[in-house]
């Protein structure tokens, strides 16, 4: 049953139902699955020329968007 239907049936506002659900239910938004495998520790150890190049490239021309979880580039 949708929250609006519950609100209508109980003759209360949708916001009231929303607050009760938020207070009493722990719902975790499912994480998006990545389309490709990514090595999150790739830059932990800068031990070759390729890593140094890409780290510099991303530092100079990249932007880490924390809202969308993406690395954006602007050239």
PDB file of N, CA and C in Angstrom:
ATOM      1  N   UNK A   1       0.846  -1.178   0.000  1.00  0.00           N
ATOM      2  CA  UNK A   1       0.000   0.000   0.000  1.00  0.00           C
ATOM      3  C   UNK A   1       0.889   1.237   0.000  1.00  0.00           C
ATOM      4  N   UNK A   2       0.569   2.191  -0.835  1.00  0.00           N
ATOM      5  CA  UNK A   2       1.361   3.409  -0.935  1.00  0.00           C
ATOM      6  C   UNK A   2       1.045   4.345   0.220  1.00  0.00           C
ATOM      7  N   UNK A   3       1.983   5.224   0.496  1.00  0.00           N
ATOM      8  CA  UNK A   3       1.828   6.139   1.638  1.00  0.00           C
ATOM      9  C   UNK A   3       0.637   7.072   1.468  1.00  0.00           C
ATOM     10  N   UNK A   4       0.385   7.514   0.257  1.00  0.00           N
ATOM     11  CA  UNK A   4      -0.779   8.390   0.022  1.00  0.00           C
ATOM     12  C   UNK A   4      -2.070   7.640   0.306  1.00  0.00           C
ATOM     13  N   UNK A   5      -2.122   6.376  -0.058  1.00  0.00           N
ATOM     14  CA  UNK A   5      -3.310   5.560   0.217  1.00  0.00           C
ATOM     15  C   UNK A   5      -3.516   5.396   1.722  1.00  0.00           C
ATOM     16  N   UNK A   6      -2.422   5.205   2.444  1.00  0.00           N
ATOM     17  CA  UNK A   6      -2.510   5.088   3.913  1.00  0.00           C
ATOM     18  C   UNK A   6      -3.019   6.393   4.503  1.00  0.00           C
ATOM     19  N   UNK A   7      -2.488   7.513   4.031  1.00  0.00           N
ATOM     20  CA  UNK A   7      -2.922   8.822   4.534  1.00  0.00           C
ATOM     21  C   UNK A   7      -4.397   9.046   4.271  1.00  0.00           C
ATOM     22  N   UNK A   8      -4.857   8.692   3.087  1.00  0.00           N
ATOM     23  CA  UNK A   8      -6.272   8.861   2.757  1.00  0.00           C
ATOM     24  C   UNK A   8      -7.154   7.970   3.626  1.00  0.00           C
ATOM     25  N   UNK A   9      -6.729   6.742   3.811  1.00  0.00           N
ATOM     26  CA  UNK A   9      -7.525   5.788   4.591  1.00  0.00           C
ATOM     27  C   UNK A   9      -7.632   6.199   6.061  1.00  0.00           C
ATOM     28  N   UNK A  10      -6.535   6.770   6.608  1.00  0.00           N
ATOM     29  CA  UNK A  10      -6.527   7.183   8.011  1.00  0.00           C
ATOM     30  C   UNK A  10      -6.960   8.632   8.206  1.00  0.00           C
ATOM     31  N   UNK A  11      -7.222   9.326   7.084  1.00  0.00           N
ATOM     32  CA  UNK A  11      -7.639  10.718   7.121  1.00  0.00           C
ATOM     33  C   UNK A  11      -6.601  11.611   7.815  1.00  0.00           C
ATOM     34  N   UNK A  12      -5.334  11.399   7.433  1.00  0.00           N
ATOM     35  CA  UNK A  12      -4.232  12.224   7.920  1.00  0.00           C
ATOM     36  C   UNK A  12      -3.443  12.703   6.703  1.00  0.00           C
ATOM     37  N   UNK A  13      -2.512  13.605   6.936  1.00  0.00           N
ATOM     38  CA  UNK A  13      -1.737  14.131   5.817  1.00  0.00           C
ATOM     39  C   UNK A  13      -0.644  13.143   5.393  1.00  0.00           C
ATOM     40  N   UNK A  14      -0.246  13.279   4.153  1.00  0.00           N
ATOM     41  CA  UNK A  14       0.841  12.454   3.619  1.00  0.00           C
ATOM     42  C   UNK A  14       2.121  12.702   4.420  1.00  0.00           C
ATOM     43  N   UNK A  15       2.361  13.960   4.784  1.00  0.00           N
ATOM     44  CA  UNK A  15       3.551  14.324   5.554  1.00  0.00           C
ATOM     45  C   UNK A  15       3.582  13.616   6.891  1.00  0.00           C
ATOM     46  N   UNK A  16       2.422  13.496   7.524  1.00  0.00           N
ATOM     47  CA  UNK A  16       2.328  12.810   8.809  1.00  0.00           C
ATOM     48  C   UNK A  16       2.720  11.337   8.648  1.00  0.00           C
ATOM     49  N   UNK A  17       2.211  10.704   7.631  1.00  0.00           N
ATOM     50  CA  UNK A  17       2.566   9.307   7.366  1.00  0.00           C
ATOM     51  C   UNK A  17       4.058   9.206   7.065  1.00  0.00           C
ATOM     52  N   UNK A  18       4.573  10.125   6.285  1.00  0.00           N
ATOM     53  CA  UNK A  18       5.993  10.131   5.928  1.00  0.00           C
ATOM     54  C   UNK A  18       6.871  10.217   7.168  1.00  0.00           C
ATOM     55  N   UNK A  19       6.511  11.093   8.113  1.00  0.00           N
ATOM     56  CA  UNK A  19       7.285  11.232   9.347  1.00  0.00           C
ATOM     57  C   UNK A  19       7.258   9.955  10.176  1.00  0.00           C
ATOM     58  N   UNK A  20       6.105   9.326  10.279  1.00  0.00           N
ATOM     59  CA  UNK A  20       5.982   8.091  11.064  1.00  0.00           C
ATOM     60  C   UNK A  20       6.828   6.978  10.433  1.00  0.00           C
ATOM     61  N   UNK A  21       6.768   6.870   9.130  1.00  0.00           N
ATOM     62  CA  UNK A  21       7.558   5.844   8.436  1.00  0.00           C
ATOM     63  C   UNK A  21       9.042   6.105   8.635  1.00  0.00           C
ATOM     64  N   UNK A  22       9.482   7.351   8.485  1.00  0.00           N
ATOM     65  CA  UNK A  22      10.889   7.697   8.640  1.00  0.00           C
ATOM     66  C   UNK A  22      11.374   7.412  10.055  1.00  0.00           C
ATOM     67  N   UNK A  23      10.521   7.660  11.035  1.00  0.00           N
ATOM     68  CA  UNK A  23      10.896   7.465  12.431  1.00  0.00           C
ATOM     69  C   UNK A  23      10.970   5.986  12.803  1.00  0.00           C
ATOM     70  N   UNK A  24      10.098   5.174  12.234  1.00  0.00           N
ATOM     71  CA  UNK A  24       9.975   3.782  12.680  1.00  0.00           C
ATOM     72  C   UNK A  24      10.546   2.729  11.731  1.00  0.00           C
ATOM     73  N   UNK A  25      10.882   3.108  10.539  1.00  0.00           N
ATOM     74  CA  UNK A  25      11.374   2.129   9.568  1.00  0.00           C
ATOM     75  C   UNK A  25      12.785   2.481   9.145  1.00  0.00           C
ATOM     76  N   UNK A  26      13.625   1.497   9.132  1.00  0.00           N
ATOM     77  CA  UNK A  26      14.982   1.739   8.632  1.00  0.00           C
ATOM     78  C   UNK A  26      15.069   1.142   7.241  1.00  0.00           C
ATOM     79  N   UNK A  27      15.031   2.004   6.267  1.00  0.00           N
ATOM     80  CA  UNK A  27      15.098   1.581   4.876  1.00  0.00           C
ATOM     81  C   UNK A  27      16.412   2.069   4.300  1.00  0.00           C
ATOM     82  N   UNK A  28      17.187   1.156   3.774  1.00  0.00           N
ATOM     83  CA  UNK A  28      18.438   1.529   3.136  1.00  0.00           C
ATOM     84  C   UNK A  28      18.243   1.488   1.640  1.00  0.00           C
ATOM     85  N   UNK A  29      18.574   2.592   1.014  1.00  0.00           N
ATOM     86  CA  UNK A  29      18.481   2.669  -0.438  1.00  0.00           C
ATOM     87  C   UNK A  29      19.502   1.693  -1.029  1.00  0.00           C
ATOM     88  N   UNK A  30      19.064   0.834  -1.941  1.00  0.00           N
ATOM     89  CA  UNK A  30      20.019  -0.113  -2.505  1.00  0.00           C
ATOM     90  C   UNK A  30      21.108   0.606  -3.298  1.00  0.00           C
ATOM     91  N   UNK A  31      22.336   0.133  -3.137  1.00  0.00           N
ATOM     92  CA  UNK A  31      23.443   0.742  -3.852  1.00  0.00           C
ATOM     93  C   UNK A  31      23.416   0.322  -5.309  1.00  0.00           C
ATOM     94  N   UNK A  32      23.770   1.262  -6.167  1.00  0.00           N
ATOM     95  CA  UNK A  32      23.842   0.956  -7.587  1.00  0.00           C
ATOM     96  C   UNK A  32      25.014   0.019  -7.846  1.00  0.00           C
ATOM     97  N   UNK A  33      24.792  -0.911  -8.734  1.00  0.00           N
ATOM     98  CA  UNK A  33      25.857  -1.809  -9.124  1.00  0.00           C
ATOM     99  C   UNK A  33      26.685  -1.152 -10.221  1.00  0.00           C
ATOM    100  N   UNK A  34      27.976  -1.229 -10.093  1.00  0.00           N
ATOM    101  CA  UNK A  34      28.854  -0.680 -11.115  1.00  0.00           C
ATOM    102  C   UNK A  34      28.812  -1.554 -12.357  1.00  0.00           C
ATOM    103  N   UNK A  35      28.928  -0.927 -13.506  1.00  0.00           N
ATOM    104  CA  UNK A  35      28.925  -1.659 -14.766  1.00  0.00           C
ATOM    105  C   UNK A  35      30.276  -2.318 -15.018  1.00  0.00           C
ATOM    106  N   UNK A  36      31.322  -1.731 -14.466  1.00  0.00           N
ATOM    107  CA  UNK A  36      32.654  -2.301 -14.635  1.00  0.00           C
ATOM    108  C   UNK A  36      33.325  -2.418 -13.273  1.00  0.00           C
ATOM    109  N   UNK A  37      34.295  -3.282 -13.171  1.00  0.00           N
ATOM    110  CA  UNK A  37      35.052  -3.422 -11.924  1.00  0.00           C
ATOM    111  C   UNK A  37      36.049  -2.273 -11.825  1.00  0.00           C
ATOM    112  N   UNK A  38      36.142  -1.678 -10.646  1.00  0.00           N
ATOM    113  CA  UNK A  38      37.052  -0.565 -10.416  1.00  0.00           C
ATOM    114  C   UNK A  38      37.923  -0.890  -9.213  1.00  0.00           C
ATOM    115  N   UNK A  39      39.213  -0.688  -9.366  1.00  0.00           N
ATOM    116  CA  UNK A  39      40.158  -0.892  -8.268  1.00  0.00           C
ATOM    117  C   UNK A  39      40.228   0.402  -7.469  1.00  0.00           C
ATOM    118  N   UNK A  40      39.516   0.449  -6.347  1.00  0.00           N
ATOM    119  CA  UNK A  40      39.461   1.659  -5.525  1.00  0.00           C
ATOM    120  C   UNK A  40      40.809   2.008  -4.889  1.00  0.00           C
ATOM    121  N   UNK A  41      41.722   1.062  -4.848  1.00  0.00           N
ATOM    122  CA  UNK A  41      43.019   1.316  -4.218  1.00  0.00           C
ATOM    123  C   UNK A  41      44.115   1.586  -5.254  1.00  0.00           C
ATOM    124  N   UNK A  42      43.750   1.844  -6.508  1.00  0.00           N
ATOM    125  CA  UNK A  42      44.720   2.025  -7.588  1.00  0.00           C
ATOM    126  C   UNK A  42      45.744   3.111  -7.264  1.00  0.00           C
ATOM    127  N   UNK A  43      45.314   4.223  -6.711  1.00  0.00           N
ATOM    128  CA  UNK A  43      46.223   5.337  -6.444  1.00  0.00           C
ATOM    129  C   UNK A  43      46.772   5.333  -5.014  1.00  0.00           C
ATOM    130  N   UNK A  44      46.555   4.264  -4.260  1.00  0.00           N
ATOM    131  CA  UNK A  44      47.104   4.213  -2.905  1.00  0.00           C
ATOM    132  C   UNK A  44      48.631   4.196  -2.914  1.00  0.00           C
ATOM    133  N   UNK A  45      49.212   3.583  -3.923  1.00  0.00           N
ATOM    134  CA  UNK A  45      50.663   3.497  -4.026  1.00  0.00           C
ATOM    135  C   UNK A  45      51.062   3.934  -5.439  1.00  0.00           C
ATOM    136  N   UNK A  46      51.646   5.120  -5.542  1.00  0.00           N
ATOM    137  CA  UNK A  46      52.071   5.639  -6.852  1.00  0.00           C
ATOM    138  C   UNK A  46      53.463   5.058  -7.126  1.00  0.00           C
ATOM    139  N   UNK A  47      53.482   3.919  -7.823  1.00  0.00           N
ATOM    140  CA  UNK A  47      54.743   3.191  -7.991  1.00  0.00           C
ATOM    141  C   UNK A  47      55.171   3.015  -9.444  1.00  0.00           C
ATOM    142  N   UNK A  48      54.495   3.691 -10.365  1.00  0.00           N
ATOM    143  CA  UNK A  48      54.951   3.634 -11.755  1.00  0.00           C
ATOM    144  C   UNK A  48      54.533   4.906 -12.485  1.00  0.00           C
ATOM    145  N   UNK A  49      55.082   5.070 -13.672  1.00  0.00           N
ATOM    146  CA  UNK A  49      54.873   6.290 -14.447  1.00  0.00           C
ATOM    147  C   UNK A  49      53.414   6.472 -14.874  1.00  0.00           C
ATOM    148  N   UNK A  50      52.740   5.377 -15.194  1.00  0.00           N
ATOM    149  CA  UNK A  50      51.336   5.461 -15.634  1.00  0.00           C
ATOM    150  C   UNK A  50      50.437   6.017 -14.524  1.00  0.00           C
ATOM    151  N   UNK A  51      50.618   5.525 -13.315  1.00  0.00           N
ATOM    152  CA  UNK A  51      49.810   6.024 -12.194  1.00  0.00           C
ATOM    153  C   UNK A  51      50.088   7.499 -11.942  1.00  0.00           C
ATOM    154  N   UNK A  52      51.354   7.884 -12.001  1.00  0.00           N
ATOM    155  CA  UNK A  52      51.726   9.288 -11.781  1.00  0.00           C
ATOM    156  C   UNK A  52      51.097  10.175 -12.848  1.00  0.00           C
ATOM    157  N   UNK A  53      51.118   9.720 -14.106  1.00  0.00           N
ATOM    158  CA  UNK A  53      50.530  10.495 -15.198  1.00  0.00           C
ATOM    159  C   UNK A  53      49.037  10.718 -14.975  1.00  0.00           C
ATOM    160  N   UNK A  54      48.311   9.625 -14.714  1.00  0.00           N
ATOM    161  CA  UNK A  54      46.854   9.746 -14.578  1.00  0.00           C
ATOM    162  C   UNK A  54      46.453  10.529 -13.330  1.00  0.00           C
ATOM    163  N   UNK A  55      47.202  10.366 -12.250  1.00  0.00           N
ATOM    164  CA  UNK A  55      46.902  11.141 -11.051  1.00  0.00           C
ATOM    165  C   UNK A  55      47.076  12.631 -11.331  1.00  0.00           C
ATOM    166  N   UNK A  56      48.142  12.993 -12.032  1.00  0.00           N
ATOM    167  CA  UNK A  56      48.358  14.393 -12.400  1.00  0.00           C
ATOM    168  C   UNK A  56      47.292  14.907 -13.349  1.00  0.00           C
ATOM    169  N   UNK A  57      46.904  14.068 -14.316  1.00  0.00           N
ATOM    170  CA  UNK A  57      45.872  14.457 -15.277  1.00  0.00           C
ATOM    171  C   UNK A  57      44.550  14.731 -14.571  1.00  0.00           C
ATOM    172  N   UNK A  58      44.143  13.819 -13.699  1.00  0.00           N
ATOM    173  CA  UNK A  58      42.881  14.003 -12.977  1.00  0.00           C
ATOM    174  C   UNK A  58      42.950  15.188 -12.027  1.00  0.00           C
ATOM    175  N   UNK A  59      44.103  15.390 -11.414  1.00  0.00           N
ATOM    176  CA  UNK A  59      44.255  16.524 -10.492  1.00  0.00           C
ATOM    177  C   UNK A  59      44.148  17.853 -11.217  1.00  0.00           C
ATOM    178  N   UNK A  60      44.699  17.911 -12.423  1.00  0.00           N
ATOM    179  CA  UNK A  60      44.702  19.170 -13.168  1.00  0.00           C
ATOM    180  C   UNK A  60      43.375  19.433 -13.873  1.00  0.00           C
ATOM    181  N   UNK A  61      42.774  18.390 -14.455  1.00  0.00           N
ATOM    182  CA  UNK A  61      41.597  18.584 -15.305  1.00  0.00           C
ATOM    183  C   UNK A  61      40.338  17.897 -14.800  1.00  0.00           C
ATOM    184  N   UNK A  62      40.422  17.256 -13.650  1.00  0.00           N
ATOM    185  CA  UNK A  62      39.283  16.487 -13.168  1.00  0.00           C
ATOM    186  C   UNK A  62      38.577  17.133 -11.993  1.00  0.00           C
ATOM    187  N   UNK A  63      37.387  16.642 -11.738  1.00  0.00           N
ATOM    188  CA  UNK A  63      36.565  17.132 -10.629  1.00  0.00           C
ATOM    189  C   UNK A  63      35.820  15.937 -10.050  1.00  0.00           C
ATOM    190  N   UNK A  64      35.966  15.715  -8.763  1.00  0.00           N
ATOM    191  CA  UNK A  64      35.302  14.610  -8.091  1.00  0.00           C
ATOM    192  C   UNK A  64      33.939  15.086  -7.591  1.00  0.00           C
ATOM    193  N   UNK A  65      32.877  14.670  -8.260  1.00  0.00           N
ATOM    194  CA  UNK A  65      31.527  15.069  -7.868  1.00  0.00           C
ATOM    195  C   UNK A  65      31.019  14.114  -6.794  1.00  0.00           C
ATOM    196  N   UNK A  66      31.010  14.561  -5.541  1.00  0.00           N
ATOM    197  CA  UNK A  66      30.583  13.693  -4.453  1.00  0.00           C
ATOM    198  C   UNK A  66      29.080  13.442  -4.472  1.00  0.00           C
ATOM    199  N   UNK A  67      28.313  14.374  -5.042  1.00  0.00           N
ATOM    200  CA  UNK A  67      26.862  14.185  -5.125  1.00  0.00           C
ATOM    201  C   UNK A  67      26.494  13.004  -6.005  1.00  0.00           C
ATOM    202  N   UNK A  68      27.142  12.921  -7.156  1.00  0.00           N
ATOM    203  CA  UNK A  68      26.813  11.843  -8.094  1.00  0.00           C
ATOM    204  C   UNK A  68      27.797  10.690  -8.015  1.00  0.00           C
ATOM    205  N   UNK A  69      28.900  10.851  -7.260  1.00  0.00           N
ATOM    206  CA  UNK A  69      29.879   9.784  -7.150  1.00  0.00           C
ATOM    207  C   UNK A  69      30.657   9.547  -8.429  1.00  0.00           C
ATOM    208  N   UNK A  70      30.854  10.607  -9.207  1.00  0.00           N
ATOM    209  CA  UNK A  70      31.528  10.460 -10.491  1.00  0.00           C
ATOM    210  C   UNK A  70      32.756  11.352 -10.540  1.00  0.00           C
ATOM    211  N   UNK A  71      33.725  10.909 -11.336  1.00  0.00           N
ATOM    212  CA  UNK A  71      34.866  11.741 -11.650  1.00  0.00           C
ATOM    213  C   UNK A  71      34.547  12.397 -12.980  1.00  0.00           C
ATOM    214  N   UNK A  72      34.537  13.712 -12.991  1.00  0.00           N
ATOM    215  CA  UNK A  72      34.212  14.456 -14.206  1.00  0.00           C
ATOM    216  C   UNK A  72      35.464  15.147 -14.715  1.00  0.00           C
ATOM    217  N   UNK A  73      35.595  15.200 -16.021  1.00  0.00           N
ATOM    218  CA  UNK A  73      36.759  15.842 -16.646  1.00  0.00           C
ATOM    219  C   UNK A  73      36.307  17.023 -17.483  1.00  0.00           C
ATOM    220  N   UNK A  74      37.127  18.065 -17.450  1.00  0.00           N
ATOM    221  CA  UNK A  74      36.870  19.234 -18.265  1.00  0.00           C
ATOM    222  C   UNK A  74      38.187  19.647 -18.898  1.00  0.00           C
ATOM    223  N   UNK A  75      38.232  19.595 -20.208  1.00  0.00           N
ATOM    224  CA  UNK A  75      39.469  19.934 -20.908  1.00  0.00           C
ATOM    225  C   UNK A  75      39.359  21.284 -21.570  1.00  0.00           C
TER     226      UNK A  75
END
